[in-house]
C-alpha atoms as a PDB file:
ATOM      1  CA  ARG A   1     105.151 152.643 111.656  1.00  0.00           C
ATOM      2  CA  GLY A   2     105.902 151.049 114.997  1.00  0.00           C
ATOM      3  CA  GLU A   3     107.834 147.982 115.928  1.00  0.00           C
ATOM      4  CA  PRO A   4     105.826 144.746 115.812  1.00  0.00           C
ATOM      5  CA  THR A   5     104.934 143.074 119.076  1.00  0.00           C
ATOM      6  CA  VAL A   6     106.279 139.533 119.201  1.00  0.00           C
ATOM      7  CA  LEU A   7     105.967 137.106 122.089  1.00  0.00           C
ATOM      8  CA  VAL A   8     107.609 133.691 121.874  1.00  0.00           C
ATOM      9  CA  LEU A   9     106.589 131.019 124.371  1.00  0.00           C
ATOM     10  CA  GLU A  10     109.197 128.284 124.478  1.00  0.00           C
ATOM     11  CA  GLY A  11     108.891 125.172 126.571  1.00  0.00           C
ATOM     12  CA  GLU A  12     108.712 121.423 126.615  1.00  0.00           C
ATOM     13  CA  ALA A  13     105.537 119.594 125.561  1.00  0.00           C
ATOM     14  CA  GLY A  14     102.847 119.632 128.235  1.00  0.00           C
ATOM     15  CA  ILE A  15     104.165 122.640 130.126  1.00  0.00           C
ATOM     16  CA  GLY A  16     101.022 124.718 129.429  1.00  0.00           C
ATOM     17  CA  LYS A  17     101.928 126.859 126.414  1.00  0.00           C
ATOM     18  CA  THR A  18      98.615 126.211 124.688  1.00  0.00           C
ATOM     19  CA  ARG A  19      96.621 127.044 127.826  1.00  0.00           C
ATOM     20  CA  LEU A  20      98.452 130.368 128.082  1.00  0.00           C
ATOM     21  CA  VAL A  21      97.807 131.036 124.376  1.00  0.00           C
ATOM     22  CA  VAL A  22      94.063 130.393 124.824  1.00  0.00           C
ATOM     23  CA  GLU A  23      94.002 132.940 127.655  1.00  0.00           C
ATOM     24  CA  ALA A  24      95.906 135.461 125.508  1.00  0.00           C
ATOM     25  CA  MET A  25      93.504 134.952 122.591  1.00  0.00           C
ATOM     26  CA  ASP A  26      90.454 135.378 124.847  1.00  0.00           C
ATOM     27  CA  THR A  27      91.953 138.547 126.323  1.00  0.00           C
ATOM     28  CA  GLY A  28      92.816 139.843 122.859  1.00  0.00           C
ATOM     29  CA  ARG A  29      89.233 139.336 121.709  1.00  0.00           C
ATOM     30  CA  LEU A  30      87.973 141.187 124.812  1.00  0.00           C
ATOM     31  CA  PHE A  31      90.149 144.135 123.793  1.00  0.00           C
ATOM     32  CA  GLY A  32      88.817 144.094 120.219  1.00  0.00           C
ATOM     33  CA  PHE A  33      91.573 142.166 118.453  1.00  0.00           C
ATOM     34  CA  THR A  34      90.894 140.010 115.436  1.00  0.00           C
ATOM     35  CA  VAL A  35      92.596 136.739 116.389  1.00  0.00           C
ATOM     36  CA  LEU A  36      93.881 134.393 113.686  1.00  0.00           C
ATOM     37  CA  THR A  37      95.530 131.068 114.426  1.00  0.00           C
ATOM     38  CA  GLY A  38      97.795 128.696 112.582  1.00  0.00           C
ATOM     39  CA  GLY A  39     100.622 126.360 113.368  1.00  0.00           C
ATOM     40  CA  GLY A  40     103.110 123.728 112.464  1.00  0.00           C
ATOM     41  CA  HIS A  41     102.266 120.062 112.239  1.00  0.00           C
ATOM     42  CA  PRO A  42     104.593 117.050 112.582  1.00  0.00           C
ATOM     43  CA  VAL A  43     103.227 115.318 109.479  1.00  0.00           C
ATOM     44  CA  GLU A  44     101.911 118.092 107.189  1.00  0.00           C
ATOM     45  CA  THR A  45     104.872 119.379 105.198  1.00  0.00           C
ATOM     46  CA  ALA A  46     103.130 121.211 102.358  1.00  0.00           C
ATOM     47  CA  PRO A  47     104.492 124.721 101.804  1.00  0.00           C
ATOM     48  CA  TYR A  48     102.632 127.340 103.874  1.00  0.00           C
ATOM     49  CA  SER A  49     100.731 124.653 105.788  1.00  0.00           C
ATOM     50  CA  ALA A  50     101.037 126.662 109.015  1.00  0.00           C
ATOM     51  CA  TRP A  51      99.062 129.455 107.360  1.00  0.00           C
ATOM     52  CA  ARG A  52      96.190 127.354 105.930  1.00  0.00           C
ATOM     53  CA  THR A  53      93.852 127.608 108.915  1.00  0.00           C
ATOM     54  CA  LEU A  54      94.822 131.218 109.601  1.00  0.00           C
ATOM     55  CA  CYS A  55      94.030 132.352 106.048  1.00  0.00           C
ATOM     56  CA  GLY A  56      90.813 130.348 106.108  1.00  0.00           C
ATOM     57  CA  GLU A  57      89.782 132.131 109.311  1.00  0.00           C
ATOM     58  CA  ALA A  58      90.551 135.485 107.685  1.00  0.00           C
ATOM     59  CA  LEU A  59      88.195 134.595 104.842  1.00  0.00           C
ATOM     60  CA  GLY A  60      85.441 133.174 107.051  1.00  0.00           C
ATOM     61  CA  PHE A  61      85.937 129.620 105.795  1.00  0.00           C
ATOM     62  CA  ASP A  62      85.018 128.195 109.192  1.00  0.00           C
ATOM     63  CA  THR A  63      81.371 128.552 108.123  1.00  0.00           C
ATOM     64  CA  ILE A  64      81.840 127.722 104.407  1.00  0.00           C
ATOM     65  CA  VAL A  65      82.373 124.089 103.452  1.00  0.00           C
ATOM     66  CA  ASP A  66      81.401 124.126  99.758  1.00  0.00           C
ATOM     67  CA  PRO A  67      84.613 124.359  97.658  1.00  0.00           C
ATOM     68  CA  THR A  68      82.896 126.400  94.934  1.00  0.00           C
ATOM     69  CA  GLU A  69      81.656 128.915  97.494  1.00  0.00           C
ATOM     70  CA  ARG A  70      85.137 129.146  99.013  1.00  0.00           C
ATOM     71  CA  ILE A  71      86.609 129.976  95.604  1.00  0.00           C
ATOM     72  CA  ARG A  72      83.908 132.610  95.057  1.00  0.00           C
ATOM     73  CA  VAL A  73      84.610 134.227  98.441  1.00  0.00           C
ATOM     74  CA  LEU A  74      88.353 134.182  97.789  1.00  0.00           C
ATOM     75  CA  ARG A  75      88.007 135.781  94.357  1.00  0.00           C
ATOM     76  CA  GLN A  76      85.555 138.361  95.693  1.00  0.00           C
ATOM     77  CA  ARG A  77      87.978 139.369  98.476  1.00  0.00           C
ATOM     78  CA  PHE A  78      90.712 140.002  95.896  1.00  0.00           C
ATOM     79  CA  GLU A  79      88.547 141.851  93.322  1.00  0.00           C
ATOM     80  CA  ALA A  80      89.469 145.322  94.587  1.00  0.00           C
ATOM     81  CA  ILE A  81      93.190 144.567  94.952  1.00  0.00           C
ATOM     82  CA  PRO A  82      95.464 145.397  92.005  1.00  0.00           C
ATOM     83  CA  ASP A  83      96.394 142.119  90.301  1.00  0.00           C
ATOM     84  CA  GLY A  84      93.983 140.376  92.665  1.00  0.00           C
ATOM     85  CA  ALA A  85      92.853 137.932  89.981  1.00  0.00           C
ATOM     86  CA  ASP A  86      96.447 136.709  89.824  1.00  0.00           C
ATOM     87  CA  LEU A  87      96.813 136.543  93.613  1.00  0.00           C
ATOM     88  CA  ALA A  88      93.687 134.476  94.318  1.00  0.00           C
ATOM     89  CA  PRO A  89      95.041 131.233  92.749  1.00  0.00           C
ATOM     90  CA  LEU A  90      98.256 131.592  94.744  1.00  0.00           C
ATOM     91  CA  LEU A  91      96.350 132.011  97.987  1.00  0.00           C
ATOM     92  CA  GLY A  92      94.292 128.992  96.918  1.00  0.00           C
ATOM     93  CA  VAL A  93      97.471 126.911  97.144  1.00  0.00           C
ATOM     94  CA  VAL A  94      98.017 128.107 100.720  1.00  0.00           C
ATOM     95  CA  LEU A  95      94.391 127.268 101.539  1.00  0.00           C
ATOM     96  CA  GLY A  96      94.560 123.861  99.888  1.00  0.00           C
ATOM     97  CA  ILE A  97      91.824 124.665  97.369  1.00  0.00           C
ATOM     98  CA  ASP A  98      92.135 124.440  93.607  1.00  0.00           C
ATOM     99  CA  VAL A  99      91.621 127.919  92.176  1.00  0.00           C
ATOM    100  CA  PRO A 100      92.242 127.933  88.411  1.00  0.00           C
ATOM    101  CA  GLY A 101      95.388 129.859  87.574  1.00  0.00           C
ATOM    102  CA  THR A 102      95.817 132.751  85.192  1.00  0.00           C
ATOM    103  CA  PRO A 103      98.326 133.276  82.374  1.00  0.00           C
ATOM    104  CA  VAL A 104     100.345 135.393  84.820  1.00  0.00           C
ATOM    105  CA  THR A 105     100.499 132.666  87.481  1.00  0.00           C
ATOM    106  CA  ALA A 106     101.345 130.049  84.842  1.00  0.00           C
ATOM    107  CA  ALA A 107     104.373 132.097  83.765  1.00  0.00           C
ATOM    108  CA  LEU A 108     105.796 132.584  87.264  1.00  0.00           C
ATOM    109  CA  THR A 109     109.199 131.162  88.110  1.00  0.00           C
ATOM    110  CA  PRO A 110     109.432 129.237  91.393  1.00  0.00           C
ATOM    111  CA  GLU A 111     110.952 132.313  93.080  1.00  0.00           C
ATOM    112  CA  GLY A 112     108.307 134.565  91.534  1.00  0.00           C
ATOM    113  CA  ARG A 113     105.576 132.183  92.721  1.00  0.00           C
ATOM    114  CA  ARG A 114     107.002 132.242  96.263  1.00  0.00           C
ATOM    115  CA  MET A 115     107.144 136.039  96.288  1.00  0.00           C
ATOM    116  CA  ARG A 116     103.649 136.478  94.839  1.00  0.00           C
ATOM    117  CA  THR A 117     102.186 133.884  97.245  1.00  0.00           C
ATOM    118  CA  ALA A 118     103.624 135.867 100.149  1.00  0.00           C
ATOM    119  CA  THR A 119     102.115 139.006  98.612  1.00  0.00           C
ATOM    120  CA  ALA A 120      98.715 137.285  98.454  1.00  0.00           C
ATOM    121  CA  VAL A 121      98.831 136.394 102.158  1.00  0.00           C
ATOM    122  CA  MET A 122     100.047 139.885 103.078  1.00  0.00           C
ATOM    123  CA  GLU A 123      97.210 141.476 101.073  1.00  0.00           C
ATOM    124  CA  LEU A 124      94.689 139.238 102.818  1.00  0.00           C
ATOM    125  CA  LEU A 125      96.035 140.241 106.233  1.00  0.00           C
ATOM    126  CA  ARG A 126      96.121 143.920 105.271  1.00  0.00           C
ATOM    127  CA  SER A 127      92.472 143.682 104.206  1.00  0.00           C
ATOM    128  CA  LEU A 128      91.543 143.072 107.853  1.00  0.00           C
ATOM    129  CA  THR A 129      91.882 146.722 108.746  1.00  0.00           C
ATOM    130  CA  GLY A 130      89.760 148.351 111.361  1.00  0.00           C
ATOM    131  CA  THR A 131      90.667 146.186 114.326  1.00  0.00           C
ATOM    132  CA  PRO A 132      94.020 145.247 115.829  1.00  0.00           C
ATOM    133  CA  LEU A 133      95.329 141.890 114.680  1.00  0.00           C
ATOM    134  CA  LEU A 134      96.751 139.067 116.822  1.00  0.00           C
ATOM    135  CA  ILE A 135      98.418 136.309 114.819  1.00  0.00           C
ATOM    136  CA  VAL A 136      99.043 133.115 116.768  1.00  0.00           C
ATOM    137  CA  ILE A 137     101.347 130.467 115.318  1.00  0.00           C
ATOM    138  CA  GLU A 138     101.747 127.390 117.509  1.00  0.00           C
ATOM    139  CA  ASP A 139     104.316 124.608 117.259  1.00  0.00           C
ATOM    140  CA  CYS A 140     106.836 126.689 115.335  1.00  0.00           C
ATOM    141  CA  HIS A 141     109.350 123.851 115.717  1.00  0.00           C
ATOM    142  CA  TRP A 142     107.367 122.042 113.000  1.00  0.00           C
ATOM    143  CA  LEU A 143     107.072 124.896 110.481  1.00  0.00           C
ATOM    144  CA  ASP A 144     108.040 124.247 106.882  1.00  0.00           C
ATOM    145  CA  ALA A 145     110.529 126.601 105.220  1.00  0.00           C
ATOM    146  CA  ALA A 146     107.878 128.554 103.286  1.00  0.00           C
ATOM    147  CA  SER A 147     105.874 129.141 106.487  1.00  0.00           C
ATOM    148  CA  TRP A 148     109.018 130.438 108.243  1.00  0.00           C
ATOM    149  CA  ASP A 149     109.751 132.789 105.346  1.00  0.00           C
ATOM    150  CA  LEU A 150     106.189 134.105 105.423  1.00  0.00           C
ATOM    151  CA  LEU A 151     106.294 134.555 109.192  1.00  0.00           C
ATOM    152  CA  ASN A 152     109.471 136.606 108.801  1.00  0.00           C
ATOM    153  CA  GLN A 153     107.831 138.754 106.124  1.00  0.00           C
ATOM    154  CA  VAL A 154     104.740 139.338 108.275  1.00  0.00           C
ATOM    155  CA  HIS A 155     107.034 140.340 111.138  1.00  0.00           C
ATOM    156  CA  GLN A 156     108.891 142.808 108.915  1.00  0.00           C
ATOM    157  CA  GLU A 157     105.993 144.296 106.977  1.00  0.00           C
ATOM    158  CA  LEU A 158     102.941 144.128 109.240  1.00  0.00           C
ATOM    159  CA  ALA A 159     104.087 146.094 112.275  1.00  0.00           C
ATOM    160  CA  GLU A 160     100.495 146.703 113.362  1.00  0.00           C
ATOM    161  CA  ALA A 161      99.989 142.977 114.008  1.00  0.00           C
ATOM    162  CA  ALA A 162     100.947 141.337 117.277  1.00  0.00           C
ATOM    163  CA  LEU A 163     102.581 137.923 116.911  1.00  0.00           C
ATOM    164  CA  LEU A 164     102.321 135.162 119.501  1.00  0.00           C
ATOM    165  CA  LEU A 165     104.448 132.112 118.755  1.00  0.00           C
ATOM    166  CA  THR A 166     104.930 128.852 120.607  1.00  0.00           C
ATOM    167  CA  THR A 167     107.716 126.351 120.204  1.00  0.00           C
ATOM    168  CA  ARG A 168     109.554 123.581 121.932  1.00  0.00           C
ATOM    169  CA  PRO A 169     113.188 124.316 122.690  1.00  0.00           C
ATOM    170  CA  PHE A 170     115.444 124.130 119.640  1.00  0.00           C
ATOM    171  CA  THR A 171     118.400 121.950 120.549  1.00  0.00           C
END
């Protein structure tokens, strides 16, 4: 288990962080990386909002618009994972889709729900084995607390993933 690769690009708005990120993503793809992107938003404050697009990309939602089909794909991805039926509704919250809960998810405490939601995202990312993974999170200065916690967990537990983060200076 190696140390994760983390690159943080910090700079004022308009300095060219996004242009550099696009180049890094293109280069990563040329070298066989699976590239997933997410980011903070100044208005969206829902928990895990920075991970919504990223998790959707991991599931191939960019080509699936039907909500019922998205739920089917999500459940299918988690079929082989232990307790996957209980993880799918939690990942549904991250994705912004309504996946009916289970008796287990209904009984979760808020802390248990937070921990199991992080587990769901980690399991999704771990399912992308076979190619190196580049996770890009832009505008980290706008991340909600749950997204920060998840980013920290990914950093700690997914050493095989490279992380590329952008932010404005924290003052």
